[in-house]
C-alpha atoms as a PDB file:
ATOM      1  CA  UNK A   1      -2.640  12.266  -7.527  1.00  0.00           C
ATOM      2  CA  UNK A   2      -3.282  10.006  -4.581  1.00  0.00           C
ATOM      3  CA  UNK A   3      -0.750   7.418  -3.513  1.00  0.00           C
ATOM      4  CA  UNK A   4      -1.529   4.275  -1.539  1.00  0.00           C
ATOM      5  CA  UNK A   5       1.576   2.977   0.249  1.00  0.00           C
ATOM      6  CA  UNK A   6       2.080  -0.773   0.537  1.00  0.00           C
ATOM      7  CA  UNK A   7       3.178  -2.333   3.830  1.00  0.00           C
ATOM      8  CA  UNK A   8       6.859  -2.262   2.910  1.00  0.00           C
ATOM      9  CA  UNK A   9       6.736   1.489   2.255  1.00  0.00           C
ATOM     10  CA  UNK A  10       4.963   2.124   5.569  1.00  0.00           C
ATOM     11  CA  UNK A  11       7.646   0.014   7.264  1.00  0.00           C
ATOM     12  CA  UNK A  12      10.363   2.136   5.651  1.00  0.00           C
ATOM     13  CA  UNK A  13       8.605   5.274   6.880  1.00  0.00           C
ATOM     14  CA  UNK A  14       8.332   3.910  10.420  1.00  0.00           C
ATOM     15  CA  UNK A  15      12.064   3.142  10.311  1.00  0.00           C
ATOM     16  CA  UNK A  16      12.604   6.739   9.106  1.00  0.00           C
ATOM     17  CA  UNK A  17      14.259   5.611   5.887  1.00  0.00           C
ATOM     18  CA  UNK A  18      15.718   8.821   4.505  1.00  0.00           C
ATOM     19  CA  UNK A  19      15.146   8.042   0.837  1.00  0.00           C
ATOM     20  CA  UNK A  20      11.484   7.038   1.202  1.00  0.00           C
ATOM     21  CA  UNK A  21      10.656   9.859   3.638  1.00  0.00           C
ATOM     22  CA  UNK A  22      12.238  12.450   1.326  1.00  0.00           C
ATOM     23  CA  UNK A  23      10.237  11.108  -1.601  1.00  0.00           C
ATOM     24  CA  UNK A  24       7.038  11.351   0.427  1.00  0.00           C
ATOM     25  CA  UNK A  25       7.862  14.960   1.365  1.00  0.00           C
ATOM     26  CA  UNK A  26       8.498  15.807  -2.306  1.00  0.00           C
ATOM     27  CA  UNK A  27       5.163  14.315  -3.355  1.00  0.00           C
ATOM     28  CA  UNK A  28       3.353  16.034  -0.512  1.00  0.00           C
ATOM     29  CA  UNK A  29       4.906  19.388  -1.432  1.00  0.00           C
ATOM     30  CA  UNK A  30       3.658  18.845  -4.994  1.00  0.00           C
ATOM     31  CA  UNK A  31       0.111  18.561  -3.624  1.00  0.00           C
ATOM     32  CA  UNK A  32      -0.206  14.801  -3.832  1.00  0.00           C
ATOM     33  CA  UNK A  33      -1.963  12.866  -1.095  1.00  0.00           C
ATOM     34  CA  UNK A  34      -1.530   9.460   0.529  1.00  0.00           C
ATOM     35  CA  UNK A  35      -4.127   7.077   1.875  1.00  0.00           C
ATOM     36  CA  UNK A  36      -3.464   3.777   3.610  1.00  0.00           C
ATOM     37  CA  UNK A  37      -5.288   0.813   2.074  1.00  0.00           C
ATOM     38  CA  UNK A  38      -7.349  -1.034   4.708  1.00  0.00           C
ATOM     39  CA  UNK A  39      -5.467  -4.302   4.169  1.00  0.00           C
ATOM     40  CA  UNK A  40      -2.138  -2.481   4.637  1.00  0.00           C
ATOM     41  CA  UNK A  41      -3.473  -1.032   7.886  1.00  0.00           C
ATOM     42  CA  UNK A  42      -4.277  -4.575   9.038  1.00  0.00           C
ATOM     43  CA  UNK A  43      -0.873  -5.952   7.986  1.00  0.00           C
ATOM     44  CA  UNK A  44       1.059  -3.218   9.788  1.00  0.00           C
ATOM     45  CA  UNK A  45      -1.143  -3.124  12.891  1.00  0.00           C
ATOM     46  CA  UNK A  46      -1.006  -6.898  13.444  1.00  0.00           C
ATOM     47  CA  UNK A  47       2.793  -6.882  13.224  1.00  0.00           C
ATOM     48  CA  UNK A  48       3.142  -3.981  15.639  1.00  0.00           C
ATOM     49  CA  UNK A  49       0.772  -5.572  18.139  1.00  0.00           C
ATOM     50  CA  UNK A  50       2.490  -8.938  17.894  1.00  0.00           C
ATOM     51  CA  UNK A  51       5.941  -7.447  18.481  1.00  0.00           C
ATOM     52  CA  UNK A  52       4.653  -5.037  21.144  1.00  0.00           C
ATOM     53  CA  UNK A  53       6.371  -2.161  19.320  1.00  0.00           C
ATOM     54  CA  UNK A  54       4.832   0.724  21.254  1.00  0.00           C
ATOM     55  CA  UNK A  55       6.918   3.565  19.778  1.00  0.00           C
ATOM     56  CA  UNK A  56       6.388   2.393  16.190  1.00  0.00           C
ATOM     57  CA  UNK A  57       2.708   1.813  16.939  1.00  0.00           C
ATOM     58  CA  UNK A  58       2.400   5.428  18.095  1.00  0.00           C
ATOM     59  CA  UNK A  59       4.209   6.588  14.941  1.00  0.00           C
ATOM     60  CA  UNK A  60       1.866   4.461  12.825  1.00  0.00           C
ATOM     61  CA  UNK A  61      -1.154   6.042  14.509  1.00  0.00           C
ATOM     62  CA  UNK A  62       0.231   9.467  13.543  1.00  0.00           C
ATOM     63  CA  UNK A  63       0.663   8.326   9.924  1.00  0.00           C
ATOM     64  CA  UNK A  64      -2.899   7.002   9.902  1.00  0.00           C
ATOM     65  CA  UNK A  65      -4.231  10.356  11.062  1.00  0.00           C
ATOM     66  CA  UNK A  66      -2.083  12.225   8.536  1.00  0.00           C
ATOM     67  CA  UNK A  67      -2.861   9.977   5.557  1.00  0.00           C
ATOM     68  CA  UNK A  68      -6.231   8.534   6.461  1.00  0.00           C
ATOM     69  CA  UNK A  69      -7.196   4.882   6.136  1.00  0.00           C
ATOM     70  CA  UNK A  70      -9.406   3.870   3.244  1.00  0.00           C
ATOM     71  CA  UNK A  71     -12.493   1.678   3.308  1.00  0.00           C
ATOM     72  CA  UNK A  72     -12.964  -1.439   1.188  1.00  0.00           C
ATOM     73  CA  UNK A  73     -16.051  -0.782  -0.928  1.00  0.00           C
ATOM     74  CA  UNK A  74     -18.209  -3.431  -2.563  1.00  0.00           C
ATOM     75  CA  UNK A  75     -16.799  -2.257  -5.900  1.00  0.00           C
ATOM     76  CA  UNK A  76     -13.258  -2.978  -4.642  1.00  0.00           C
ATOM     77  CA  UNK A  77     -14.263  -6.381  -3.278  1.00  0.00           C
ATOM     78  CA  UNK A  78     -15.817  -7.273  -6.638  1.00  0.00           C
ATOM     79  CA  UNK A  79     -12.686  -6.070  -8.461  1.00  0.00           C
ATOM     80  CA  UNK A  80     -10.556  -8.256  -6.178  1.00  0.00           C
ATOM     81  CA  UNK A  81     -12.734 -11.278  -6.967  1.00  0.00           C
ATOM     82  CA  UNK A  82     -12.515 -10.524 -10.706  1.00  0.00           C
ATOM     83  CA  UNK A  83      -8.733 -10.185 -10.547  1.00  0.00           C
ATOM     84  CA  UNK A  84      -8.454 -13.402  -8.524  1.00  0.00           C
ATOM     85  CA  UNK A  85     -10.471 -15.389 -11.038  1.00  0.00           C
ATOM     86  CA  UNK A  86      -8.446 -14.129 -13.997  1.00  0.00           C
ATOM     87  CA  UNK A  87      -5.109 -14.649 -12.283  1.00  0.00           C
ATOM     88  CA  UNK A  88      -6.054 -18.122 -11.084  1.00  0.00           C
ATOM     89  CA  UNK A  89      -7.108 -19.127 -14.602  1.00  0.00           C
ATOM     90  CA  UNK A  90      -3.734 -17.883 -15.865  1.00  0.00           C
ATOM     91  CA  UNK A  91      -1.858 -19.754 -13.124  1.00  0.00           C
ATOM     92  CA  UNK A  92      -0.269 -16.540 -11.794  1.00  0.00           C
ATOM     93  CA  UNK A  93      -1.941 -16.111  -8.425  1.00  0.00           C
ATOM     94  CA  UNK A  94      -0.381 -13.688  -5.919  1.00  0.00           C
ATOM     95  CA  UNK A  95      -1.506 -13.628  -2.287  1.00  0.00           C
ATOM     96  CA  UNK A  96      -5.005 -12.524  -1.362  1.00  0.00           C
ATOM     97  CA  UNK A  97      -3.632  -9.493   0.522  1.00  0.00           C
ATOM     98  CA  UNK A  98      -1.918  -8.255  -2.637  1.00  0.00           C
ATOM     99  CA  UNK A  99      -5.061  -8.739  -4.720  1.00  0.00           C
ATOM    100  CA  UNK A 100      -7.185  -6.829  -2.186  1.00  0.00           C
ATOM    101  CA  UNK A 101      -4.661  -3.970  -1.973  1.00  0.00           C
ATOM    102  CA  UNK A 102      -4.457  -3.759  -5.760  1.00  0.00           C
ATOM    103  CA  UNK A 103      -8.240  -3.796  -6.175  1.00  0.00           C
ATOM    104  CA  UNK A 104      -8.584  -0.990  -3.615  1.00  0.00           C
ATOM    105  CA  UNK A 105      -6.143   1.086  -5.670  1.00  0.00           C
ATOM    106  CA  UNK A 106      -7.660   0.254  -9.051  1.00  0.00           C
ATOM    107  CA  UNK A 107     -11.259   1.195  -8.228  1.00  0.00           C
ATOM    108  CA  UNK A 108     -10.226   4.400  -6.457  1.00  0.00           C
ATOM    109  CA  UNK A 109      -7.725   5.484  -9.109  1.00  0.00           C
ATOM    110  CA  UNK A 110      -4.834   5.448  -6.611  1.00  0.00           C
ATOM    111  CA  UNK A 111      -1.215   4.697  -7.442  1.00  0.00           C
ATOM    112  CA  UNK A 112       0.243   1.900  -5.343  1.00  0.00           C
ATOM    113  CA  UNK A 113       3.632   2.715  -3.814  1.00  0.00           C
ATOM    114  CA  UNK A 114       5.531  -0.524  -3.293  1.00  0.00           C
ATOM    115  CA  UNK A 115       8.973  -2.032  -3.251  1.00  0.00           C
ATOM    116  CA  UNK A 116       7.420  -5.363  -4.260  1.00  0.00           C
ATOM    117  CA  UNK A 117       6.453  -4.548  -7.839  1.00  0.00           C
ATOM    118  CA  UNK A 118       6.912  -8.208  -8.852  1.00  0.00           C
ATOM    119  CA  UNK A 119       4.093  -9.228  -6.473  1.00  0.00           C
ATOM    120  CA  UNK A 120       1.697  -7.021  -8.430  1.00  0.00           C
ATOM    121  CA  UNK A 121       3.101  -7.385 -11.955  1.00  0.00           C
ATOM    122  CA  UNK A 122       0.296  -9.627 -13.245  1.00  0.00           C
ATOM    123  CA  UNK A 123      -2.588  -7.501 -11.926  1.00  0.00           C
ATOM    124  CA  UNK A 124      -4.234  -5.616 -14.760  1.00  0.00           C
ATOM    125  CA  UNK A 125      -5.121  -1.939 -14.464  1.00  0.00           C
ATOM    126  CA  UNK A 126      -2.861  -1.211 -11.482  1.00  0.00           C
ATOM    127  CA  UNK A 127      -0.656   1.885 -11.459  1.00  0.00           C
ATOM    128  CA  UNK A 128       2.519   1.454  -9.401  1.00  0.00           C
ATOM    129  CA  UNK A 129       5.581   3.402  -8.377  1.00  0.00           C
ATOM    130  CA  UNK A 130       8.555   2.418  -6.213  1.00  0.00           C
ATOM    131  CA  UNK A 131       9.714   5.189  -3.870  1.00  0.00           C
ATOM    132  CA  UNK A 132      12.608   3.053  -2.655  1.00  0.00           C
ATOM    133  CA  UNK A 133      14.251   2.784  -6.099  1.00  0.00           C
ATOM    134  CA  UNK A 134      17.647   4.384  -6.221  1.00  0.00           C
ATOM    135  CA  UNK A 135      18.281   3.961  -2.501  1.00  0.00           C
ATOM    136  CA  UNK A 136      21.967   4.042  -1.723  1.00  0.00           C
END
């Protein structure tokens, strides 16, 4: 299984959140992989650059090398457009970033790891898990 962490999960990892980091280590030990969606890379990188967070930026670079950063294929872009159209017709439109992240996961068969499951609830065909559930 391949997991694709959302921005909030990457943020937890950069803050060394014990619960999320332990869950990642468990999944890694089970042979599962992680890949960073390209839109998540952009969201995290822009925030780190804006806040001039050098230490966290270095840690993020390490995560990027460990996980890898995915590419947005034409298939994923088309899936995002399809999802957008359907969601807009239904009047349940999340943000474009969320649609692009979800489409990346759907076409690649990745499971999105997010603490914002409500943001993605209306997107069809998306597999999700929340590694921050049960945090004390």
